Amino acid sequence: MESSEIELIHHLSAKNDELRHLYSQHQKYEGQLSRLTVRYPSESELREIARVKRLKLRGKDRIQQILASSR
């Protein structure tokens, strides 16, 4: 995410619980992905990486919708 988007998220999350929750999840998924991709992943880890990426993308899409509606 761009720094301007992050600033807007921080500003809006004070009033929007869903946005605050989505951004928190987004950061959690970032951490999970960085831990999973440090070494050569097994097949189960590859499946977990794909699952986390889908969840992260779904959340980011919803964040983008919220940001677009606030502009």
Protein backbone atom coordinates (compact mmCIF):
# COMPACT_ATOMS: atom_id res chain seq x y z
CA MET A 1 0.00 0.00 0.00
CA GLU A 2 1.11 3.53 -0.67
CA SER A 3 1.96 5.83 2.22
CA SER A 4 -0.95 8.14 1.37
CA GLU A 5 -3.33 5.17 1.60
CA ILE A 6 -1.85 4.14 4.93
CA GLU A 7 -2.28 7.67 6.29
CA LEU A 8 -5.91 7.68 5.14
CA ILE A 9 -6.48 4.27 6.72
CA HIS A 10 -5.09 5.49 10.04
CA HIS A 11 -7.29 8.58 9.87
CA LEU A 12 -10.48 6.71 8.95
CA SER A 13 -9.92 3.73 11.22
CA ALA A 14 -10.56 5.94 14.24
CA LYS A 15 -14.21 6.02 13.14
CA ASN A 16 -14.50 2.76 11.19
CA ASP A 17 -14.17 -0.50 13.13
CA GLU A 18 -14.33 -2.63 9.98
CA LEU A 19 -11.45 -0.74 8.41
CA ARG A 20 -9.39 -1.00 11.60
CA HIS A 21 -10.03 -4.75 11.71
CA LEU A 22 -9.24 -5.25 8.01
CA TYR A 23 -5.98 -3.33 8.26
CA SER A 24 -4.96 -5.28 11.35
CA GLN A 25 -5.63 -8.54 9.49
CA HIS A 26 -3.70 -7.25 6.47
CA GLN A 27 -0.66 -6.65 8.65
CA LYS A 28 -1.05 -10.08 10.28
CA TYR A 29 -1.15 -11.74 6.84
CA GLU A 30 1.98 -9.80 5.80
CA GLY A 31 3.80 -11.24 8.80
CA GLN A 32 2.58 -14.77 8.09
CA LEU A 33 3.71 -14.54 4.47
CA SER A 34 7.15 -13.25 5.40
CA ARG A 35 7.61 -16.13 7.87
CA LEU A 36 6.39 -18.73 5.38
CA THR A 37 8.56 -17.57 2.48
CA VAL A 38 11.89 -17.37 4.30
CA ARG A 39 13.01 -20.86 3.31
CA TYR A 40 12.01 -23.50 0.80
CA PRO A 41 8.33 -24.17 1.58
CA SER A 42 6.86 -27.66 1.71
CA GLU A 43 3.68 -28.51 -0.20
CA SER A 44 1.52 -27.79 2.83
CA GLU A 45 3.30 -24.47 3.33
CA LEU A 46 2.73 -23.62 -0.33
CA ARG A 47 -0.99 -24.25 0.18
CA GLU A 48 -0.91 -22.07 3.31
CA ILE A 49 0.89 -19.31 1.40
CA ALA A 50 -1.78 -19.41 -1.32
CA ARG A 51 -4.56 -19.35 1.30
CA VAL A 52 -3.06 -16.38 3.14
CA LYS A 53 -2.51 -14.50 -0.12
CA ARG A 54 -6.18 -14.98 -1.04
CA LEU A 55 -7.31 -13.74 2.36
CA LYS A 56 -4.96 -10.78 2.18
CA LEU A 57 -6.17 -9.84 -1.30
CA ARG A 58 -9.82 -10.13 -0.27
CA GLY A 59 -9.17 -7.83 2.68
CA LYS A 60 -7.21 -5.36 0.57
CA ASP A 61 -10.03 -5.22 -1.97
CA ARG A 62 -12.49 -4.38 0.82
CA ILE A 63 -10.10 -1.74 2.21
CA GLN A 64 -9.91 -0.18 -1.25
CA GLN A 65 -13.73 -0.10 -1.44
CA ILE A 66 -13.94 1.68 1.91
CA LEU A 67 -11.25 4.17 0.91
CA ALA A 68 -12.95 4.87 -2.43
CA SER A 69 -16.28 5.52 -0.75
CA SER A 70 -14.68 7.99 1.68
CA ARG A 71 -13.08 10.13 -1.03
